[in-house]
């Protein structure tokens, strides 16, 4: 045997960190406890799930039929366990495990993983955030038609999702889709609850039910935060025993009146420094006690200076665009010959429907004759501004209303309501992660709705692992009061885990004459590992 034949080099890179986080949570054990272990199998269901999660966080776009190739040059025994071979991870095995996960109950498994994370890592659940997004799907699916009706009051499906066209958040209404509802903790953006819905599902129809189901599954006294899709009389009645903060839609008459007529309070000098510390120096507000949908609540009417400036600029631009458009319409209607007065007025009415801030007004309808000596009518018009509408939009600029049912003894400070709602982006960050083209969600390759749901469940587990690792790293850096260099060489206490993954490129697992070792662990890399959970 030659010297070279006694050396084996396998890539490890950042995947050791991913595997360590999975082990720290105990995902393999949870899956195996749920699905059981068959002694005849070469690889357990829990280990298969671990391999999918490692692949998902490897940031390579490879479909399942190339799955085993992903591990060909990796230290698979170090990552998954002794005597595990890449060819054990074939598409048939992975497909069977995905089907077993679906059959057992994706929601039950996810909740158990979440409860373990909450307990072990002491996740603060004072606030939880709900939002939804859509995922586009290619190809034909077996259940595109609703063959069995779902009971409206049930939110956890007893049937696969329906792949249908619906409202597209990515402005692709031409594509089929499914919907993902996600609840995250404000502390670390940890996914707490995931639900996959039909492609044509409406947020307004399900958000209240999602929150009720979440509180049944995770019995914590969390304040639920959501956007205006939650705010409606039916949903408010449904969640009246929960604590919530949401945005009030401007379609509500009372909201319109308040935004138009109420003056937000001037900031007192002693409060300016406090608001600056909270990064709220550009906000002013006023509180009102309101009863809506039979629920007593606090409405916080907020004025954002930055948003006001932006809204007024948009209004000015819209006015300028309408002036050009209305001049064109004016020439058109004044040059046209009409057979009847009603035809001229009908045309004018149709034109004005296309304008929002301006109006073309009839000055005079002239009766005359055409070149063929036929009686015709010509309209003399002028352009006028809709002063009332412009004034309304000017008063509304930069204003929005937040509502909460936390009143009297449970009352929150106005600044806390505003800061908490601004953190609604925690779910949006999760969606950006899941839709990243480097992630394996770029194209769904599974052809059954059940597999789509299972894949979204696995992707959500990837998000949980990623955000948990990032939270732990940042919390440790804060405790030791020592930062690390980011992408541009500046010291930071809040690095992204993706940057850490990049920092670990070039870590290898080497076996030389039977001796196993990990190479290229620099002092900086060892410092980073010391900040992560012990299993890493």
Protein backbone atom coordinates (compact mmCIF):
# COMPACT_ATOMS: atom_id res chain seq x y z
CA UNK A 1 0.00 0.00 0.00
CA UNK A 2 1.46 3.35 -1.02
CA UNK A 3 1.77 6.28 1.31
CA UNK A 4 -0.93 8.20 -0.57
CA UNK A 5 -3.37 5.29 -0.22
CA UNK A 6 -3.11 5.58 3.57
CA UNK A 7 -4.46 9.16 3.54
CA UNK A 8 -8.17 9.97 3.40
CA UNK A 9 -9.34 13.60 3.24
CA UNK A 10 -13.01 14.49 3.60
CA UNK A 11 -14.65 17.90 3.66
CA UNK A 12 -16.29 19.07 6.86
CA UNK A 13 -16.48 22.86 6.42
CA UNK A 14 -19.39 24.38 8.43
CA UNK A 15 -21.43 21.16 8.38
CA UNK A 16 -19.93 20.09 11.70
CA UNK A 17 -21.60 23.14 13.28
CA UNK A 18 -24.94 22.21 11.67
CA UNK A 19 -24.66 18.59 12.84
CA UNK A 20 -23.74 19.79 16.33
CA UNK A 21 -26.80 22.04 16.54
CA UNK A 22 -29.05 19.17 15.41
CA UNK A 23 -27.52 16.91 18.09
CA UNK A 24 -27.83 19.61 20.75
CA UNK A 25 -31.56 19.92 20.07
CA UNK A 26 -31.99 16.14 20.01
CA UNK A 27 -33.85 15.97 16.69
CA UNK A 28 -32.62 12.47 15.76
CA UNK A 29 -33.83 11.04 19.08
CA UNK A 30 -37.22 12.77 18.79
CA UNK A 31 -37.79 11.44 15.25
CA UNK A 32 -36.70 7.91 16.17
CA UNK A 33 -38.95 7.89 19.25
CA UNK A 34 -41.88 8.95 17.07
CA UNK A 35 -41.32 6.69 14.05
CA UNK A 36 -39.50 3.85 15.74
CA UNK A 37 -36.27 2.03 14.82
CA UNK A 38 -36.19 -1.11 12.70
CA UNK A 39 -33.03 -3.11 13.52
CA UNK A 40 -32.95 -4.36 9.92
CA UNK A 41 -32.46 -0.82 8.57
CA UNK A 42 -28.97 0.40 7.81
CA UNK A 43 -29.94 3.97 8.75
CA UNK A 44 -32.67 5.24 11.08
CA UNK A 45 -35.40 7.72 10.12
CA UNK A 46 -33.92 10.26 12.56
CA UNK A 47 -30.52 10.04 10.89
CA UNK A 48 -32.12 10.44 7.45
CA UNK A 49 -33.83 13.61 8.67
CA UNK A 50 -30.50 14.82 10.06
CA UNK A 51 -28.89 14.25 6.65
CA UNK A 52 -31.66 16.25 4.92
CA UNK A 53 -31.18 19.13 7.36
CA UNK A 54 -27.40 19.10 6.85
CA UNK A 55 -27.97 19.10 3.09
CA UNK A 56 -30.48 21.94 3.40
CA UNK A 57 -28.04 24.06 5.41
CA UNK A 58 -25.18 23.17 3.09
CA UNK A 59 -26.47 25.99 0.85
CA UNK A 60 -26.34 24.00 -2.36
CA UNK A 61 -29.28 23.53 -4.68
CA UNK A 62 -29.43 19.80 -5.28
CA UNK A 63 -32.63 17.76 -5.69
CA UNK A 64 -33.12 14.52 -3.79
CA UNK A 65 -31.99 12.27 -6.65
CA UNK A 66 -28.52 13.83 -6.25
CA UNK A 67 -28.72 13.61 -2.47
CA UNK A 68 -26.16 10.86 -1.94
CA UNK A 69 -23.69 12.75 -4.16
CA UNK A 70 -23.75 15.60 -1.65
CA UNK A 71 -22.11 13.34 0.94
CA UNK A 72 -19.59 11.66 -1.39
CA UNK A 73 -16.78 14.07 -0.46
CA UNK A 74 -18.03 14.78 3.09
CA UNK A 75 -16.96 13.27 6.41
CA UNK A 76 -20.26 11.38 6.56
CA UNK A 77 -19.32 9.13 9.48
CA UNK A 78 -18.30 12.17 11.52
CA UNK A 79 -21.56 13.95 10.64
CA UNK A 80 -24.09 11.09 10.76
CA UNK A 81 -22.46 8.21 12.64
CA UNK A 82 -20.09 5.30 12.21
CA UNK A 83 -20.59 2.89 9.32
CA UNK A 84 -23.03 5.26 7.54
CA UNK A 85 -22.40 5.23 3.78
CA UNK A 86 -23.56 7.84 1.21
CA UNK A 87 -25.46 5.22 -0.79
CA UNK A 88 -27.72 4.57 2.21
CA UNK A 89 -29.24 7.99 1.45
CA UNK A 90 -30.95 7.12 -1.81
CA UNK A 91 -34.13 8.76 -3.01
CA UNK A 92 -36.28 5.70 -2.17
CA UNK A 93 -35.18 5.72 1.46
CA UNK A 94 -35.64 9.49 1.78
CA UNK A 95 -39.09 9.26 0.14
CA UNK A 96 -40.20 6.54 2.57
CA UNK A 97 -39.06 8.57 5.58
CA UNK A 98 -40.85 11.68 4.26
CA UNK A 99 -44.05 9.63 3.89
CA UNK A 100 -43.67 8.24 7.42
CA UNK A 101 -43.22 11.76 8.81
CA UNK A 102 -46.38 12.93 7.06
CA UNK A 103 -48.37 9.90 8.21
CA UNK A 104 -47.32 10.36 11.85
CA UNK A 105 -48.17 14.08 11.89
CA UNK A 106 -45.78 16.88 10.93
CA UNK A 107 -47.34 19.31 13.40
CA UNK A 108 -46.91 16.93 16.36
CA UNK A 109 -43.23 16.35 15.56
CA UNK A 110 -42.49 20.04 15.02
CA UNK A 111 -44.17 21.03 18.29
CA UNK A 112 -42.13 18.47 20.24
CA UNK A 113 -38.88 19.80 18.73
CA UNK A 114 -39.96 23.37 19.54
CA UNK A 115 -40.85 22.51 23.15
CA UNK A 116 -37.42 20.92 23.60
CA UNK A 117 -35.71 24.04 22.19
CA UNK A 118 -37.78 26.38 24.40
CA UNK A 119 -36.95 24.37 27.52
CA UNK A 120 -33.27 23.75 26.82
CA UNK A 121 -32.34 27.20 25.50
CA UNK A 122 -34.74 29.24 27.65
CA UNK A 123 -36.43 31.04 24.75
CA UNK A 124 -38.33 34.14 25.92
CA UNK A 125 -41.94 33.80 24.73
CA UNK A 126 -43.34 37.14 25.86
CA UNK A 127 -44.01 38.02 22.21
CA UNK A 128 -44.72 35.78 19.21
CA UNK A 129 -45.14 36.96 15.61
CA UNK A 130 -47.46 35.50 12.94
CA UNK A 131 -47.27 36.05 9.18
CA UNK A 132 -47.69 34.06 5.97
CA UNK A 133 -46.05 33.73 2.57
CA UNK A 134 -46.64 31.77 -0.62
CA UNK A 135 -44.39 29.28 -2.40
CA UNK A 136 -44.64 28.78 -6.15
CA UNK A 137 -44.84 25.27 -7.49
CA UNK A 138 -44.20 23.84 -10.95
CA UNK A 139 -45.77 20.80 -12.56
CA UNK A 140 -48.98 18.84 -12.12
CA UNK A 141 -50.26 17.66 -8.75
CA UNK A 142 -52.61 14.84 -7.96
CA UNK A 143 -54.93 16.89 -5.77
CA UNK A 144 -55.52 20.17 -7.53
CA UNK A 145 -59.29 19.92 -7.19
CA UNK A 146 -61.14 19.93 -3.87
CA UNK A 147 -62.63 16.44 -3.79
CA UNK A 148 -63.61 16.57 -0.14
CA UNK A 149 -64.67 19.66 1.73
CA UNK A 150 -62.75 20.67 4.83
CA UNK A 151 -64.74 21.75 7.84
CA UNK A 152 -64.31 25.51 8.10
CA UNK A 153 -63.64 25.55 11.82
CA UNK A 154 -60.71 23.13 11.57
CA UNK A 155 -57.28 24.59 11.00
CA UNK A 156 -55.16 21.42 11.17
CA UNK A 157 -55.97 19.60 7.93
CA UNK A 158 -57.06 16.01 7.74
CA UNK A 159 -56.30 16.00 4.01
CA UNK A 160 -53.36 17.09 1.85
CA UNK A 161 -53.14 20.71 0.81
CA UNK A 162 -54.67 21.88 -2.46
CA UNK A 163 -52.16 23.26 -4.95
CA UNK A 164 -54.00 26.19 -6.53
CA UNK A 165 -53.52 29.65 -7.89
CA UNK A 166 -54.21 32.41 -5.41
CA UNK A 167 -53.06 35.82 -4.19
CA UNK A 168 -49.31 35.85 -4.88
CA UNK A 169 -47.13 37.77 -2.45
CA UNK A 170 -44.35 37.64 -5.05
CA UNK A 171 -46.60 39.03 -7.79
CA UNK A 172 -46.76 35.75 -9.76
CA UNK A 173 -50.52 35.02 -9.92
CA UNK A 174 -49.90 32.90 -13.03
CA UNK A 175 -48.26 30.13 -10.98
CA UNK A 176 -49.73 27.50 -8.70
CA UNK A 177 -48.80 27.84 -5.08
CA UNK A 178 -49.22 26.79 -1.48
CA UNK A 179 -49.21 29.01 1.60
CA UNK A 180 -46.98 28.80 4.68
CA UNK A 181 -48.12 30.30 8.00
CA UNK A 182 -45.24 30.88 10.41
CA UNK A 183 -45.14 31.95 14.07
CA UNK A 184 -41.74 32.98 15.44
CA UNK A 185 -40.48 34.14 18.82
CA UNK A 186 -39.29 37.72 19.13
CA UNK A 187 -36.32 36.27 21.00
CA UNK A 188 -34.04 34.97 18.25
CA UNK A 189 -36.73 34.56 15.55
CA UNK A 190 -37.16 30.90 16.54
CA UNK A 191 -39.98 29.20 14.56
CA UNK A 192 -42.60 28.09 17.08
CA UNK A 193 -45.44 26.94 14.82
CA UNK A 194 -45.65 26.10 11.12
CA UNK A 195 -48.71 25.35 9.05
CA UNK A 196 -48.99 24.70 5.31
CA UNK A 197 -52.21 25.86 3.65
CA UNK A 198 -54.01 25.69 0.31
CA UNK A 199 -52.79 27.90 -2.52
CA UNK A 200 -55.94 30.03 -2.58
CA UNK A 201 -56.17 30.49 1.18
CA UNK A 202 -56.90 33.94 2.66
CA UNK A 203 -54.96 35.28 5.65
CA UNK A 204 -58.10 36.95 7.01
CA UNK A 205 -59.95 33.65 6.98
CA UNK A 206 -57.33 31.62 8.88
CA UNK A 207 -55.12 33.86 11.04
CA UNK A 208 -57.49 33.82 14.02
CA UNK A 209 -57.78 30.02 13.83
CA UNK A 210 -54.01 29.65 13.52
CA UNK A 211 -53.46 31.61 16.75
CA UNK A 212 -56.10 29.59 18.63
CA UNK A 213 -54.49 26.34 17.46
CA UNK A 214 -51.01 27.61 18.39
CA UNK A 215 -52.14 28.40 21.94
CA UNK A 216 -53.59 24.90 22.28
CA UNK A 217 -50.29 23.37 21.19
CA UNK A 218 -47.91 25.62 23.13
CA UNK A 219 -49.43 26.64 26.45
CA UNK A 220 -47.49 29.83 27.15
CA UNK A 221 -48.80 33.28 27.98
CA UNK A 222 -47.41 34.88 24.83
CA UNK A 223 -48.61 38.18 23.34
CA UNK A 224 -49.44 37.48 19.69
CA UNK A 225 -48.33 40.05 17.10
CA UNK A 226 -49.77 40.12 13.59
CA UNK A 227 -50.44 42.46 10.67
CA UNK A 228 -53.82 43.91 9.71
CA UNK A 229 -55.07 40.62 8.19
CA UNK A 230 -55.93 39.55 11.75
CA UNK A 231 -58.04 42.63 12.50
CA UNK A 232 -61.69 41.86 11.83
CA UNK A 233 -64.74 41.37 14.03
CA UNK A 234 -64.86 37.58 13.51
CA UNK A 235 -61.16 37.09 14.30
CA UNK A 236 -61.29 39.41 17.33
CA UNK A 237 -64.14 37.35 18.77
CA UNK A 238 -62.21 34.17 18.06
CA UNK A 239 -59.05 35.35 19.89
CA UNK A 240 -60.73 37.38 22.65
CA UNK A 241 -59.11 35.20 25.34
CA UNK A 242 -55.62 35.70 23.87
CA UNK A 243 -53.32 38.70 24.22
CA UNK A 244 -52.57 40.44 20.93
CA UNK A 245 -51.11 43.44 19.12
CA UNK A 246 -52.06 44.11 15.52
CA UNK A 247 -52.45 46.84 12.97
CA UNK A 248 -55.84 48.40 12.25
CA UNK A 249 -56.77 48.48 8.54
CA UNK A 250 -57.65 51.92 7.21
CA UNK A 251 -60.83 50.49 5.68
CA UNK A 252 -62.50 50.76 9.11
CA UNK A 253 -64.59 53.92 9.44
CA UNK A 254 -63.45 54.70 13.01
CA UNK A 255 -59.79 54.38 11.94
CA UNK A 256 -60.31 56.81 9.05
CA UNK A 257 -61.94 59.35 11.35
CA UNK A 258 -59.17 59.19 13.95
CA UNK A 259 -56.37 59.50 11.41
CA UNK A 260 -58.11 62.50 9.84
CA UNK A 261 -59.05 64.37 12.98
CA UNK A 262 -56.72 63.47 15.84
CA UNK A 263 -53.49 65.35 16.50
CA UNK A 264 -50.59 63.29 17.81
CA UNK A 265 -48.95 64.57 20.96
CA UNK A 266 -45.85 66.75 20.92
CA UNK A 267 -42.79 65.10 22.44
CA UNK A 268 -41.78 66.60 25.77
CA UNK A 269 -38.13 67.51 26.21
CA UNK A 270 -37.65 64.95 28.98
CA UNK A 271 -38.95 62.19 26.66
CA UNK A 272 -36.77 63.01 23.66
CA UNK A 273 -33.65 61.32 25.01
CA UNK A 274 -35.61 58.24 26.07
CA UNK A 275 -37.13 57.88 22.60
CA UNK A 276 -33.72 58.34 21.02
CA UNK A 277 -32.35 55.47 23.14
CA UNK A 278 -35.22 53.30 21.90
CA UNK A 279 -34.60 54.38 18.29
CA UNK A 280 -38.06 56.01 18.22
CA UNK A 281 -37.01 59.64 17.83
CA UNK A 282 -38.87 59.95 14.51
CA UNK A 283 -42.18 58.73 15.97
CA UNK A 284 -44.97 60.56 17.81
CA UNK A 285 -48.27 59.08 18.94
CA UNK A 286 -51.53 59.40 20.84
CA UNK A 287 -53.54 56.73 22.66
CA UNK A 288 -57.30 56.21 22.46
CA UNK A 289 -59.55 53.66 24.20
CA UNK A 290 -61.84 52.10 21.59
CA UNK A 291 -64.40 49.29 21.60
CA UNK A 292 -64.54 47.39 18.31
CA UNK A 293 -66.03 43.96 17.64
CA UNK A 294 -67.24 43.98 21.24
CA UNK A 295 -63.62 44.06 22.49
CA UNK A 296 -62.26 46.95 24.56
CA UNK A 297 -58.80 47.90 23.30
CA UNK A 298 -56.11 50.55 23.13
CA UNK A 299 -55.55 52.17 19.76
CA UNK A 300 -52.17 53.82 19.27
CA UNK A 301 -52.32 56.43 16.49
CA UNK A 302 -48.71 56.74 15.32
CA UNK A 303 -47.03 59.34 13.11
CA UNK A 304 -43.70 58.40 11.53
CA UNK A 305 -41.74 61.37 10.20
CA UNK A 306 -39.81 59.24 7.70
CA UNK A 307 -42.94 57.58 6.44
CA UNK A 308 -44.77 60.93 6.29
CA UNK A 309 -42.03 62.35 4.09
CA UNK A 310 -42.15 59.29 1.86
CA UNK A 311 -45.97 59.35 1.62
CA UNK A 312 -46.03 63.06 0.74
CA UNK A 313 -43.41 62.51 -1.97
CA UNK A 314 -45.52 59.67 -3.40
CA UNK A 315 -48.61 61.90 -3.28
CA UNK A 316 -46.78 64.64 -5.16
CA UNK A 317 -45.60 62.14 -7.76
CA UNK A 318 -49.10 60.71 -8.14
CA UNK A 319 -50.53 64.22 -8.58
CA UNK A 320 -47.94 65.03 -11.26
CA UNK A 321 -48.67 61.77 -13.13
CA UNK A 322 -52.42 62.39 -12.98
CA UNK A 323 -52.00 65.92 -14.33
CA UNK A 324 -50.29 64.52 -17.43
CA UNK A 325 -52.89 61.81 -17.79
CA UNK A 326 -55.82 64.23 -17.29
CA UNK A 327 -54.44 66.66 -19.91
CA UNK A 328 -54.50 63.79 -22.39
CA UNK A 329 -58.06 62.88 -21.38
CA UNK A 330 -59.13 66.53 -21.64
CA UNK A 331 -57.91 66.84 -25.23
CA UNK A 332 -59.57 63.55 -26.07
CA UNK A 333 -63.01 64.43 -24.74
CA UNK A 334 -63.00 68.02 -26.08
CA UNK A 335 -62.13 66.86 -29.59
CA UNK A 336 -64.70 64.07 -29.69
CA UNK A 337 -68.10 64.46 -31.36
CA UNK A 338 -71.08 62.88 -29.56
CA UNK A 339 -74.45 61.96 -30.98
CA UNK A 340 -76.25 62.52 -27.67
CA UNK A 341 -75.55 64.52 -24.46
CA UNK A 342 -75.81 61.26 -22.49
CA UNK A 343 -72.96 59.75 -24.52
CA UNK A 344 -70.68 62.69 -23.69
CA UNK A 345 -71.49 62.49 -19.97
CA UNK A 346 -71.07 58.70 -19.95
CA UNK A 347 -67.60 59.12 -21.49
CA UNK A 348 -66.72 61.79 -18.91
CA UNK A 349 -67.84 59.53 -16.06
CA UNK A 350 -65.70 56.66 -17.39
CA UNK A 351 -62.64 58.94 -17.60
CA UNK A 352 -63.07 60.25 -14.05
CA UNK A 353 -63.12 56.69 -12.72
CA UNK A 354 -59.47 56.48 -13.82
CA UNK A 355 -58.49 59.54 -11.76
CA UNK A 356 -58.06 59.75 -7.99
CA UNK A 357 -56.78 63.24 -7.18
CA UNK A 358 -58.10 65.21 -10.14
CA UNK A 359 -61.42 65.47 -11.92
CA UNK A 360 -62.46 66.63 -15.39
CA UNK A 361 -65.56 68.74 -14.96
CA UNK A 362 -68.15 69.61 -17.56
CA UNK A 363 -68.33 73.37 -18.20
CA UNK A 364 -70.66 73.43 -21.16
CA UNK A 365 -72.20 71.02 -23.67
CA UNK A 366 -72.41 72.72 -27.06
CA UNK A 367 -74.95 71.68 -29.69
CA UNK A 368 -73.51 72.06 -33.20
CA UNK A 369 -73.35 70.35 -36.59
CA UNK A 370 -70.77 68.09 -38.19
CA UNK A 371 -69.33 68.46 -41.67
CA UNK A 372 -72.08 66.14 -42.84
CA UNK A 373 -74.64 68.59 -41.40
CA UNK A 374 -75.60 66.11 -38.65
CA UNK A 375 -76.45 67.37 -35.17
CA UNK A 376 -73.61 66.64 -32.70
CA UNK A 377 -72.53 67.66 -29.21
CA UNK A 378 -69.11 68.81 -28.06
CA UNK A 379 -68.05 69.13 -24.45
CA UNK A 380 -66.09 72.04 -23.00
CA UNK A 381 -64.32 70.84 -19.84
CA UNK A 382 -61.67 71.80 -17.34
CA UNK A 383 -59.42 70.00 -14.88
CA UNK A 384 -59.95 70.61 -11.18
CA UNK A 385 -58.22 69.18 -8.12
CA UNK A 386 -60.13 67.03 -5.67
CA UNK A 387 -59.13 69.19 -2.72
CA UNK A 388 -60.97 67.06 -0.19
CA UNK A 389 -59.23 63.86 -1.33
CA UNK A 390 -55.80 65.54 -1.46
CA UNK A 391 -56.36 66.99 2.02
CA UNK A 392 -57.40 63.56 3.33
CA UNK A 393 -54.28 61.88 1.93
CA UNK A 394 -52.08 64.69 3.27
CA UNK A 395 -53.52 64.24 6.79
CA UNK A 396 -53.10 60.47 6.57
CA UNK A 397 -49.46 60.68 5.41
CA UNK A 398 -47.14 58.85 7.78
CA UNK A 399 -49.93 57.71 10.12
CA UNK A 400 -50.98 54.22 11.08
CA UNK A 401 -52.89 52.67 13.99
CA UNK A 402 -51.81 49.81 16.23
CA UNK A 403 -54.34 48.04 18.44
CA UNK A 404 -54.02 45.79 21.49
CA UNK A 405 -56.50 44.28 23.92
CA UNK A 406 -54.02 44.83 26.76
CA UNK A 407 -55.80 47.57 28.68
CA UNK A 408 -56.12 48.70 32.31
CA UNK A 409 -54.02 46.45 34.60
CA UNK A 410 -52.35 44.69 31.65
CA UNK A 411 -51.64 47.96 29.82
CA UNK A 412 -48.40 48.22 27.85
CA UNK A 413 -46.33 51.35 27.37
CA UNK A 414 -46.96 52.96 23.98
CA UNK A 415 -43.25 52.67 23.12
CA UNK A 416 -43.32 48.91 23.83
CA UNK A 417 -46.35 48.41 21.56
CA UNK A 418 -44.59 50.23 18.72
CA UNK A 419 -41.22 48.48 19.17
CA UNK A 420 -42.94 45.09 19.36
CA UNK A 421 -44.90 45.67 16.15
CA UNK A 422 -41.75 46.85 14.36
CA UNK A 423 -40.24 43.45 15.26
CA UNK A 424 -42.91 41.82 13.08
CA UNK A 425 -40.11 41.53 10.53
CA UNK A 426 -38.89 38.46 12.45
CA UNK A 427 -41.22 36.28 10.36
CA UNK A 428 -40.25 38.17 7.19
CA UNK A 429 -36.59 37.35 7.87
CA UNK A 430 -37.59 33.70 8.12
CA UNK A 431 -39.37 33.86 4.77
CA UNK A 432 -36.33 35.46 3.13
CA UNK A 433 -34.21 32.60 4.47
CA UNK A 434 -36.61 29.94 3.18
CA UNK A 435 -36.82 31.56 -0.26
CA UNK A 436 -33.10 32.14 -0.68
CA UNK A 437 -32.05 30.65 -4.05
CA UNK A 438 -29.04 29.06 -2.33
CA UNK A 439 -31.45 27.09 -0.15
CA UNK A 440 -33.01 23.89 -1.48
CA UNK A 441 -36.44 25.50 -1.78
CA UNK A 442 -35.61 27.12 -5.10
CA UNK A 443 -37.54 24.44 -6.96
CA UNK A 444 -39.81 21.79 -5.48
CA UNK A 445 -39.09 18.45 -7.06
CA UNK A 446 -41.66 16.36 -5.18
CA UNK A 447 -44.88 15.66 -7.04
CA UNK A 448 -47.36 14.96 -4.23
CA UNK A 449 -48.96 17.59 -1.98
CA UNK A 450 -48.05 15.39 1.01
CA UNK A 451 -44.38 15.61 0.07
CA UNK A 452 -44.67 19.39 -0.41
CA UNK A 453 -45.97 19.72 3.16
CA UNK A 454 -43.21 17.45 4.45
CA UNK A 455 -40.53 19.39 2.60
CA UNK A 456 -41.81 22.68 4.07
CA UNK A 457 -41.73 21.04 7.51
CA UNK A 458 -38.08 20.05 6.95
CA UNK A 459 -37.23 23.51 5.61
CA UNK A 460 -38.79 25.04 8.74
CA UNK A 461 -36.60 22.78 10.88
CA UNK A 462 -33.60 24.14 8.94
CA UNK A 463 -34.76 27.67 9.78
CA UNK A 464 -35.10 26.72 13.45
CA UNK A 465 -31.57 25.26 13.55
CA UNK A 466 -30.08 28.27 11.75
CA UNK A 467 -31.79 30.90 13.92
CA UNK A 468 -31.05 29.00 17.13
CA UNK A 469 -27.33 28.81 16.25
CA UNK A 470 -27.28 32.51 15.40
CA UNK A 471 -29.08 33.40 18.66
CA UNK A 472 -26.69 31.36 20.78
CA UNK A 473 -23.63 32.83 19.05
CA UNK A 474 -24.81 36.43 19.46
CA UNK A 475 -25.84 35.92 23.10
CA UNK A 476 -22.42 34.46 23.92
CA UNK A 477 -20.59 37.32 22.16
CA UNK A 478 -22.68 39.77 24.19
CA UNK A 479 -21.81 37.95 27.44
CA UNK A 480 -18.05 37.81 26.79
CA UNK A 481 -18.14 41.39 25.39
CA UNK A 482 -15.90 40.41 22.52
CA UNK A 483 -16.79 40.68 18.85
CA UNK A 484 -15.58 38.96 15.69
CA UNK A 485 -14.75 40.41 12.29
CA UNK A 486 -17.59 40.55 9.78
CA UNK A 487 -17.40 40.42 5.96
CA UNK A 488 -15.86 43.91 5.70
CA UNK A 489 -13.41 43.42 8.54
CA UNK A 490 -15.35 45.37 11.17
CA UNK A 491 -15.80 43.94 14.66
CA UNK A 492 -19.42 42.99 15.38
CA UNK A 493 -21.38 41.39 18.20
CA UNK A 494 -24.17 40.40 15.79
CA UNK A 495 -22.66 38.31 12.97
CA UNK A 496 -24.94 36.26 10.76
CA UNK A 497 -24.58 32.51 10.99
CA UNK A 498 -24.15 32.41 7.22
CA UNK A 499 -20.96 34.47 7.62
CA UNK A 500 -19.78 32.02 10.28
CA UNK A 501 -20.46 29.19 7.84
CA UNK A 502 -18.29 30.96 5.27
CA UNK A 503 -15.54 31.36 7.88
CA UNK A 504 -15.45 27.59 8.28
CA UNK A 505 -14.81 26.74 4.62
CA UNK A 506 -11.67 24.63 4.31
CA UNK A 507 -12.10 22.52 7.45
CA UNK A 508 -11.15 18.93 6.59
CA UNK A 509 -11.42 15.54 8.30
CA UNK A 510 -8.18 13.66 7.68
CA UNK A 511 -7.38 10.00 8.37
CA UNK A 512 -3.65 9.37 8.15
CA UNK A 513 -2.41 5.85 8.87
CA UNK A 514 -5.61 5.22 10.89
CA UNK A 515 -5.24 8.41 12.92
CA UNK A 516 -8.28 10.71 12.64
CA UNK A 517 -7.95 14.46 12.98
CA UNK A 518 -9.63 17.72 11.98
CA UNK A 519 -7.32 20.17 10.25
CA UNK A 520 -7.35 23.94 9.68
CA UNK A 521 -8.93 24.81 13.03
CA UNK A 522 -7.35 28.23 13.55
CA UNK A 523 -7.42 30.14 16.83
CA UNK A 524 -10.30 32.31 15.54
CA UNK A 525 -12.31 29.25 14.49
CA UNK A 526 -11.73 27.63 17.88
CA UNK A 527 -12.95 30.83 19.56
CA UNK A 528 -16.15 30.78 17.49
CA UNK A 529 -16.72 27.10 18.34
CA UNK A 530 -16.34 27.92 22.04
CA UNK A 531 -19.33 30.28 21.70
CA UNK A 532 -21.60 27.63 20.18
CA UNK A 533 -23.38 24.75 22.00
CA UNK A 534 -21.09 21.97 23.23
CA UNK A 535 -22.16 19.44 20.56
CA UNK A 536 -20.68 21.68 17.85
